[in-house]
Amino acid sequence: MINVRVYGILINEQQQILVSDEYIRGMYVTKFCGGGLEEGEGTRDCLRREFMEEMNLSVQVEEHFYTTDFYQPSAFRKGDQIMSIYYKVKALEPITAPLRSLPFQFDEREMKMYNETGETETFRFINLTDFNEDCMTLPIDKVIVHMILAGK
């Protein structure tokens, strides 16, 4: 099965990039914000929904950045193939979700979510001057890091 994922690249005015630190299926993962495309949903609508669900943040989905052009097996579902689509996004309002300074700094609310679902997430900005492929966990995200740093 092909699993379509849609992610947003949000760079703020301070030249920092937004990432999501998540505990998913027993793994600590740092990735771009976004998630799975649902049936009957367009990719841009998916991305707006994901930012609203995860961060209570309205975003403007801007230009397409990249779509996976190589085979990538799923890290979470054996036999699945991942296709990731990336867009540049812009926040339409101030970010009110808690932002962390360190990876996986889950607060009490996020730990409650973990206790209920076995998964949780939090968000932080990374200075572009400190950003490199080691900051990200997933193979496709590492490709995106190189593209961002190359100035695509």
N, C-alpha and C. Protein backbone atom coordinates (compact mmCIF):
# COMPACT_ATOMS: atom_id res chain seq x y z
N MET A 1 0.85 -1.18 0.00
CA MET A 1 0.00 0.00 0.00
C MET A 1 0.89 1.24 0.00
N ILE A 2 0.48 2.26 -0.71
CA ILE A 2 1.20 3.53 -0.71
C ILE A 2 0.56 4.45 0.30
N ASN A 3 1.36 4.95 1.21
CA ASN A 3 0.93 5.85 2.27
C ASN A 3 1.40 7.25 1.89
N VAL A 4 0.45 8.17 1.64
CA VAL A 4 0.79 9.53 1.24
C VAL A 4 0.85 10.42 2.47
N ARG A 5 1.97 11.09 2.64
CA ARG A 5 2.22 12.00 3.76
C ARG A 5 2.43 13.40 3.20
N VAL A 6 1.94 14.42 3.91
CA VAL A 6 2.08 15.80 3.45
C VAL A 6 2.68 16.62 4.58
N TYR A 7 3.75 17.36 4.25
CA TYR A 7 4.50 18.10 5.27
C TYR A 7 4.69 19.56 4.88
N GLY A 8 4.81 20.40 5.91
CA GLY A 8 5.02 21.82 5.70
C GLY A 8 6.40 22.26 6.17
N ILE A 9 7.02 23.11 5.37
CA ILE A 9 8.29 23.71 5.72
C ILE A 9 8.00 25.14 6.13
N LEU A 10 8.09 25.40 7.43
CA LEU A 10 7.80 26.72 7.96
C LEU A 10 9.09 27.32 8.50
N ILE A 11 9.53 28.41 7.86
CA ILE A 11 10.72 29.14 8.30
C ILE A 11 10.25 30.52 8.75
N ASN A 12 10.55 30.86 9.99
CA ASN A 12 10.08 32.14 10.53
C ASN A 12 11.02 33.29 10.15
N GLU A 13 10.68 34.49 10.61
CA GLU A 13 11.45 35.69 10.27
C GLU A 13 12.85 35.67 10.91
N GLN A 14 13.03 34.86 11.94
CA GLN A 14 14.34 34.75 12.60
C GLN A 14 15.23 33.69 11.94
N GLN A 15 14.78 33.19 10.77
CA GLN A 15 15.52 32.16 10.04
C GLN A 15 15.67 30.88 10.87
N GLN A 16 14.52 30.48 11.43
CA GLN A 16 14.43 29.23 12.18
C GLN A 16 13.38 28.36 11.50
N ILE A 17 13.61 27.05 11.53
CA ILE A 17 12.70 26.11 10.89
C ILE A 17 11.94 25.32 11.95
N LEU A 18 10.65 25.14 11.72
CA LEU A 18 9.79 24.44 12.68
C LEU A 18 9.88 22.94 12.48
N VAL A 19 10.06 22.21 13.58
CA VAL A 19 10.05 20.75 13.55
C VAL A 19 9.13 20.22 14.63
N SER A 20 8.74 18.98 14.45
CA SER A 20 7.90 18.27 15.41
C SER A 20 8.72 17.15 16.02
N ASP A 21 8.77 17.10 17.34
CA ASP A 21 9.41 15.99 18.06
C ASP A 21 8.28 15.08 18.54
N GLU A 22 8.32 13.82 18.12
CA GLU A 22 7.22 12.91 18.40
C GLU A 22 7.72 11.60 18.99
N TYR A 23 6.88 11.02 19.81
CA TYR A 23 7.09 9.65 20.26
C TYR A 23 5.98 8.84 19.60
N ILE A 24 6.37 7.99 18.62
CA ILE A 24 5.41 7.25 17.81
C ILE A 24 5.81 5.78 17.78
N ARG A 25 4.89 4.92 18.15
CA ARG A 25 5.11 3.48 18.06
C ARG A 25 6.47 3.05 18.62
N GLY A 26 6.78 3.60 19.78
CA GLY A 26 8.00 3.22 20.46
C GLY A 26 9.27 3.87 19.96
N MET A 27 9.14 4.86 19.05
CA MET A 27 10.32 5.52 18.48
C MET A 27 10.25 7.02 18.73
N TYR A 28 11.39 7.62 19.04
CA TYR A 28 11.51 9.07 19.10
C TYR A 28 11.87 9.56 17.71
N VAL A 29 11.07 10.49 17.17
CA VAL A 29 11.21 10.93 15.79
C VAL A 29 11.14 12.46 15.74
N THR A 30 12.10 13.07 15.08
CA THR A 30 12.03 14.49 14.77
C THR A 30 11.76 14.60 13.28
N LYS A 31 10.71 15.33 12.93
CA LYS A 31 10.28 15.41 11.54
C LYS A 31 9.67 16.78 11.26
N PHE A 32 9.35 17.01 9.99
CA PHE A 32 8.61 18.21 9.65
C PHE A 32 7.16 18.04 10.08
N CYS A 33 6.46 19.14 10.29
CA CYS A 33 5.06 19.10 10.71
C CYS A 33 4.19 18.67 9.54
N GLY A 34 3.22 17.84 9.84
CA GLY A 34 2.30 17.35 8.83
C GLY A 34 1.87 15.95 9.17
N GLY A 35 1.28 15.27 8.19
CA GLY A 35 0.82 13.92 8.46
C GLY A 35 0.16 13.30 7.26
N GLY A 36 -0.68 12.32 7.54
CA GLY A 36 -1.26 11.47 6.51
C GLY A 36 -2.44 12.08 5.78
N LEU A 37 -2.44 11.88 4.47
CA LEU A 37 -3.55 12.29 3.61
C LEU A 37 -4.73 11.37 3.87
N GLU A 38 -5.91 11.97 4.08
CA GLU A 38 -7.12 11.18 4.30
C GLU A 38 -7.90 11.07 3.01
N GLU A 39 -8.68 10.02 2.90
CA GLU A 39 -9.48 9.79 1.69
C GLU A 39 -10.41 10.99 1.44
N GLY A 40 -10.46 11.41 0.18
CA GLY A 40 -11.32 12.53 -0.21
C GLY A 40 -10.72 13.89 0.07
N GLU A 41 -9.44 13.94 0.44
CA GLU A 41 -8.79 15.17 0.84
C GLU A 41 -7.68 15.51 -0.16
N GLY A 42 -7.55 16.79 -0.48
CA GLY A 42 -6.43 17.25 -1.29
C GLY A 42 -5.21 17.46 -0.41
N THR A 43 -4.05 17.52 -1.05
CA THR A 43 -2.81 17.64 -0.27
C THR A 43 -2.73 18.96 0.49
N ARG A 44 -3.16 20.04 -0.12
CA ARG A 44 -3.12 21.34 0.57
C ARG A 44 -4.11 21.37 1.73
N ASP A 45 -5.29 20.80 1.51
CA ASP A 45 -6.28 20.72 2.59
C ASP A 45 -5.75 19.86 3.73
N CYS A 46 -5.07 18.77 3.39
CA CYS A 46 -4.47 17.90 4.41
C CYS A 46 -3.50 18.68 5.28
N LEU A 47 -2.65 19.46 4.65
CA LEU A 47 -1.64 20.20 5.39
C LEU A 47 -2.27 21.25 6.31
N ARG A 48 -3.28 21.95 5.80
CA ARG A 48 -3.98 22.93 6.66
C ARG A 48 -4.63 22.22 7.85
N ARG A 49 -5.26 21.07 7.59
CA ARG A 49 -5.90 20.32 8.67
C ARG A 49 -4.87 19.85 9.69
N GLU A 50 -3.75 19.32 9.24
CA GLU A 50 -2.73 18.81 10.15
C GLU A 50 -2.19 19.92 11.06
N PHE A 51 -1.90 21.09 10.49
CA PHE A 51 -1.40 22.19 11.33
C PHE A 51 -2.47 22.62 12.33
N MET A 52 -3.72 22.63 11.91
CA MET A 52 -4.80 23.02 12.84
C MET A 52 -4.94 21.96 13.94
N GLU A 53 -4.95 20.68 13.58
CA GLU A 53 -5.10 19.62 14.58
C GLU A 53 -3.92 19.56 15.55
N GLU A 54 -2.71 19.68 15.03
CA GLU A 54 -1.53 19.48 15.85
C GLU A 54 -1.11 20.72 16.63
N MET A 55 -1.30 21.92 16.01
CA MET A 55 -0.79 23.14 16.64
C MET A 55 -1.85 24.22 16.84
N ASN A 56 -3.09 23.93 16.42
CA ASN A 56 -4.14 24.95 16.44
C ASN A 56 -3.67 26.20 15.70
N LEU A 57 -3.07 25.98 14.53
CA LEU A 57 -2.44 27.05 13.77
C LEU A 57 -2.96 27.07 12.34
N SER A 58 -3.47 28.23 11.93
CA SER A 58 -3.86 28.43 10.53
C SER A 58 -2.62 28.75 9.72
N VAL A 59 -2.45 28.03 8.62
CA VAL A 59 -1.30 28.28 7.75
C VAL A 59 -1.78 28.53 6.32
N GLN A 60 -0.96 29.27 5.61
CA GLN A 60 -1.15 29.45 4.18
C GLN A 60 -0.19 28.48 3.51
N VAL A 61 -0.72 27.61 2.67
CA VAL A 61 0.11 26.66 1.96
C VAL A 61 0.60 27.35 0.70
N GLU A 62 1.91 27.48 0.58
CA GLU A 62 2.51 28.20 -0.53
C GLU A 62 2.99 27.22 -1.58
N GLU A 63 4.14 27.46 -2.18
CA GLU A 63 4.54 26.63 -3.32
C GLU A 63 4.96 25.22 -2.91
N HIS A 64 4.75 24.32 -3.87
CA HIS A 64 5.20 22.94 -3.73
C HIS A 64 6.73 22.95 -3.66
N PHE A 65 7.29 22.15 -2.78
CA PHE A 65 8.74 22.11 -2.60
C PHE A 65 9.34 20.83 -3.16
N TYR A 66 8.70 19.69 -2.86
CA TYR A 66 9.28 18.41 -3.29
C TYR A 66 8.25 17.30 -3.11
N THR A 67 8.31 16.31 -3.99
CA THR A 67 7.57 15.06 -3.85
C THR A 67 8.57 13.92 -3.98
N THR A 68 8.48 12.95 -3.10
CA THR A 68 9.40 11.83 -3.12
C THR A 68 9.49 11.23 -4.52
N ASP A 69 10.73 11.05 -4.99
CA ASP A 69 10.92 10.48 -6.33
C ASP A 69 11.78 9.22 -6.27
N PHE A 70 11.78 8.57 -5.11
CA PHE A 70 12.50 7.30 -4.94
C PHE A 70 11.66 6.41 -4.02
N TYR A 71 11.95 5.13 -4.06
CA TYR A 71 11.23 4.19 -3.21
C TYR A 71 11.66 4.35 -1.76
N GLN A 72 10.67 4.50 -0.87
CA GLN A 72 10.94 4.59 0.56
C GLN A 72 9.97 3.70 1.32
N PRO A 73 10.47 2.62 1.92
CA PRO A 73 9.57 1.79 2.74
C PRO A 73 9.19 2.52 4.02
N SER A 74 8.02 2.21 4.53
CA SER A 74 7.55 2.80 5.77
C SER A 74 8.38 2.33 6.96
N ALA A 75 8.68 3.24 7.86
CA ALA A 75 9.38 2.89 9.10
C ALA A 75 8.42 2.26 10.11
N PHE A 76 7.11 2.42 9.87
CA PHE A 76 6.12 2.00 10.86
C PHE A 76 5.21 0.86 10.41
N ARG A 77 5.02 0.70 9.10
CA ARG A 77 4.11 -0.34 8.60
C ARG A 77 4.83 -1.19 7.57
N LYS A 78 5.18 -2.40 7.97
CA LYS A 78 5.89 -3.31 7.08
C LYS A 78 5.10 -3.52 5.80
N GLY A 79 5.79 -3.39 4.67
CA GLY A 79 5.16 -3.60 3.37
C GLY A 79 4.60 -2.34 2.74
N ASP A 80 4.47 -1.27 3.51
CA ASP A 80 3.96 -0.01 2.96
C ASP A 80 5.09 0.79 2.33
N GLN A 81 4.72 1.57 1.32
CA GLN A 81 5.63 2.51 0.68
C GLN A 81 5.18 3.92 1.06
N ILE A 82 6.13 4.80 1.31
CA ILE A 82 5.83 6.18 1.68
C ILE A 82 6.04 7.09 0.48
N MET A 83 5.07 7.95 0.24
CA MET A 83 5.24 9.05 -0.71
C MET A 83 4.98 10.32 0.09
N SER A 84 5.99 11.17 0.17
CA SER A 84 5.88 12.41 0.94
C SER A 84 5.86 13.60 0.00
N ILE A 85 4.97 14.53 0.31
CA ILE A 85 4.82 15.76 -0.47
C ILE A 85 5.07 16.92 0.48
N TYR A 86 5.96 17.82 0.09
CA TYR A 86 6.36 18.95 0.93
C TYR A 86 5.96 20.26 0.27
N TYR A 87 5.44 21.16 1.10
CA TYR A 87 5.10 22.51 0.67
C TYR A 87 5.76 23.50 1.62
N LYS A 88 6.06 24.66 1.12
CA LYS A 88 6.42 25.76 2.01
C LYS A 88 5.12 26.28 2.59
N VAL A 89 5.13 26.64 3.87
CA VAL A 89 3.94 27.18 4.52
C VAL A 89 4.30 28.44 5.29
N LYS A 90 3.28 29.24 5.52
CA LYS A 90 3.43 30.48 6.27
C LYS A 90 2.34 30.52 7.34
N ALA A 91 2.73 30.84 8.56
CA ALA A 91 1.75 30.97 9.64
C ALA A 91 0.91 32.21 9.40
N LEU A 92 -0.40 32.08 9.55
CA LEU A 92 -1.31 33.21 9.36
C LEU A 92 -1.64 33.92 10.66
N GLU A 93 -1.06 33.42 11.75
CA GLU A 93 -1.32 33.98 13.07
C GLU A 93 -0.14 33.60 13.97
N PRO A 94 -0.03 34.24 15.12
CA PRO A 94 1.05 33.85 16.04
C PRO A 94 0.88 32.40 16.50
N ILE A 95 2.00 31.73 16.68
CA ILE A 95 1.96 30.34 17.16
C ILE A 95 1.67 30.36 18.66
N THR A 96 0.61 29.65 19.06
CA THR A 96 0.24 29.58 20.47
C THR A 96 0.57 28.22 21.09
N ALA A 97 0.88 27.23 20.26
CA ALA A 97 1.28 25.92 20.79
C ALA A 97 2.59 26.10 21.55
N PRO A 98 2.77 25.35 22.63
CA PRO A 98 4.03 25.45 23.36
C PRO A 98 5.21 25.08 22.46
N LEU A 99 6.24 25.89 22.49
CA LEU A 99 7.46 25.63 21.72
C LEU A 99 8.57 25.30 22.70
N ARG A 100 9.33 24.29 22.41
CA ARG A 100 10.38 23.81 23.29
C ARG A 100 11.75 24.28 22.80
N SER A 101 12.72 24.25 23.69
CA SER A 101 14.08 24.61 23.31
C SER A 101 14.93 23.37 23.08
N LEU A 102 14.50 22.22 23.60
CA LEU A 102 15.24 20.98 23.45
C LEU A 102 14.35 19.89 22.86
N PRO A 103 14.93 18.91 22.20
CA PRO A 103 14.13 17.81 21.64
C PRO A 103 13.41 17.01 22.71
N PHE A 104 12.19 16.61 22.41
CA PHE A 104 11.40 15.70 23.23
C PHE A 104 11.17 16.20 24.64
N GLN A 105 10.97 17.49 24.77
CA GLN A 105 10.68 18.13 26.06
C GLN A 105 9.16 18.13 26.25
N PHE A 106 8.58 16.98 26.53
CA PHE A 106 7.14 16.86 26.64
C PHE A 106 6.65 17.42 27.97
N ASP A 107 5.56 18.20 27.92
CA ASP A 107 5.00 18.75 29.15
C ASP A 107 3.92 17.80 29.70
N GLU A 108 3.28 18.23 30.77
CA GLU A 108 2.28 17.38 31.45
C GLU A 108 1.12 17.01 30.51
N ARG A 109 0.63 17.98 29.73
CA ARG A 109 -0.47 17.71 28.80
C ARG A 109 -0.05 16.70 27.74
N GLU A 110 1.17 16.85 27.24
CA GLU A 110 1.66 15.94 26.21
C GLU A 110 1.90 14.54 26.77
N MET A 111 2.33 14.46 28.03
CA MET A 111 2.50 13.16 28.66
C MET A 111 1.15 12.49 28.93
N LYS A 112 0.14 13.30 29.20
CA LYS A 112 -1.20 12.75 29.36
C LYS A 112 -1.67 12.14 28.04
N MET A 113 -1.41 12.85 26.94
CA MET A 113 -1.75 12.34 25.62
C MET A 113 -1.01 11.02 25.38
N TYR A 114 0.26 10.96 25.77
CA TYR A 114 1.04 9.73 25.62
C TYR A 114 0.41 8.60 26.42
N ASN A 115 0.02 8.88 27.66
CA ASN A 115 -0.58 7.85 28.51
C ASN A 115 -1.90 7.34 27.95
N GLU A 116 -2.62 8.19 27.23
CA GLU A 116 -3.91 7.80 26.64
C GLU A 116 -3.75 7.08 25.31
N THR A 117 -2.80 7.50 24.50
CA THR A 117 -2.71 6.98 23.12
C THR A 117 -1.42 6.22 22.82
N GLY A 118 -0.42 6.38 23.67
CA GLY A 118 0.88 5.76 23.40
C GLY A 118 1.73 6.59 22.46
N GLU A 119 1.24 7.76 22.07
CA GLU A 119 1.97 8.67 21.18
C GLU A 119 1.81 10.10 21.67
N THR A 120 2.80 10.93 21.40
CA THR A 120 2.69 12.35 21.74
C THR A 120 3.65 13.15 20.87
N GLU A 121 3.50 14.48 20.91
CA GLU A 121 4.35 15.34 20.09
C GLU A 121 4.50 16.70 20.74
N THR A 122 5.57 17.37 20.38
CA THR A 122 5.81 18.74 20.78
C THR A 122 6.58 19.42 19.65
N PHE A 123 6.76 20.73 19.73
CA PHE A 123 7.31 21.48 18.60
C PHE A 123 8.44 22.40 19.06
N ARG A 124 9.33 22.68 18.12
CA ARG A 124 10.41 23.62 18.41
C ARG A 124 10.94 24.18 17.09
N PHE A 125 11.62 25.30 17.22
CA PHE A 125 12.33 25.89 16.08
C PHE A 125 13.81 25.56 16.21
N ILE A 126 14.44 25.35 15.06
CA ILE A 126 15.89 25.14 14.98
C ILE A 126 16.45 26.26 14.11
N ASN A 127 17.49 26.93 14.59
CA ASN A 127 18.13 27.96 13.77
C ASN A 127 18.66 27.32 12.49
N LEU A 128 18.45 27.97 11.36
CA LEU A 128 18.95 27.42 10.10
C LEU A 128 20.47 27.24 10.12
N THR A 129 21.16 28.07 10.88
CA THR A 129 22.62 27.93 10.97
C THR A 129 23.02 26.64 11.71
N ASP A 130 22.11 26.08 12.51
CA ASP A 130 22.38 24.84 13.25
C ASP A 130 21.70 23.62 12.61
N PHE A 131 20.97 23.84 11.53
CA PHE A 131 20.14 22.81 10.90
C PHE A 131 20.99 21.94 9.98
N ASN A 132 20.88 20.62 10.16
CA ASN A 132 21.56 19.68 9.26
C ASN A 132 20.79 18.37 9.28
N GLU A 133 21.21 17.42 8.47
CA GLU A 133 20.43 16.18 8.34
C GLU A 133 20.37 15.40 9.65
N ASP A 134 21.33 15.60 10.54
CA ASP A 134 21.29 14.90 11.83
C ASP A 134 20.16 15.40 12.73
N CYS A 135 19.58 16.54 12.40
CA CYS A 135 18.46 17.08 13.17
C CYS A 135 17.17 16.29 12.92
N MET A 136 17.11 15.57 11.80
CA MET A 136 15.89 14.89 11.39
C MET A 136 16.08 13.38 11.45
N THR A 137 14.97 12.66 11.65
CA THR A 137 15.02 11.21 11.80
C THR A 137 14.72 10.47 10.50
N LEU A 138 13.71 10.92 9.77
CA LEU A 138 13.21 10.16 8.63
C LEU A 138 14.04 10.40 7.37
N PRO A 139 14.27 9.35 6.58
CA PRO A 139 15.15 9.46 5.41
C PRO A 139 14.73 10.53 4.40
N ILE A 140 13.45 10.66 4.13
CA ILE A 140 13.02 11.66 3.15
C ILE A 140 13.25 13.06 3.70
N ASP A 141 13.03 13.26 5.00
CA ASP A 141 13.28 14.57 5.60
C ASP A 141 14.75 14.96 5.48
N LYS A 142 15.64 13.99 5.54
CA LYS A 142 17.07 14.29 5.40
C LYS A 142 17.37 14.84 4.00
N VAL A 143 16.68 14.32 2.98
CA VAL A 143 16.81 14.84 1.61
C VAL A 143 16.35 16.29 1.58
N ILE A 144 15.24 16.57 2.24
CA ILE A 144 14.68 17.92 2.27
C ILE A 144 15.65 18.89 2.95
N VAL A 145 16.30 18.45 4.02
CA VAL A 145 17.28 19.31 4.70
C VAL A 145 18.35 19.77 3.71
N HIS A 146 18.88 18.85 2.94
CA HIS A 146 19.92 19.20 1.95
C HIS A 146 19.39 20.20 0.93
N MET A 147 18.14 20.01 0.51
CA MET A 147 17.54 20.92 -0.47
C MET A 147 17.36 22.31 0.12
N ILE A 148 16.91 22.38 1.36
CA ILE A 148 16.72 23.68 2.03
C ILE A 148 18.07 24.39 2.17
N LEU A 149 19.06 23.67 2.63
CA LEU A 149 20.37 24.28 2.84
C LEU A 149 21.05 24.68 1.53
N ALA A 150 20.68 24.01 0.45
CA ALA A 150 21.22 24.35 -0.87
C ALA A 150 20.49 25.54 -1.48
N GLY A 151 19.42 25.98 -0.79
CA GLY A 151 18.70 27.17 -1.23
C GLY A 151 17.65 26.94 -2.29
N LYS A 152 17.12 25.70 -2.38
CA LYS A 152 16.07 25.44 -3.36
C LYS A 152 14.89 26.35 -3.14
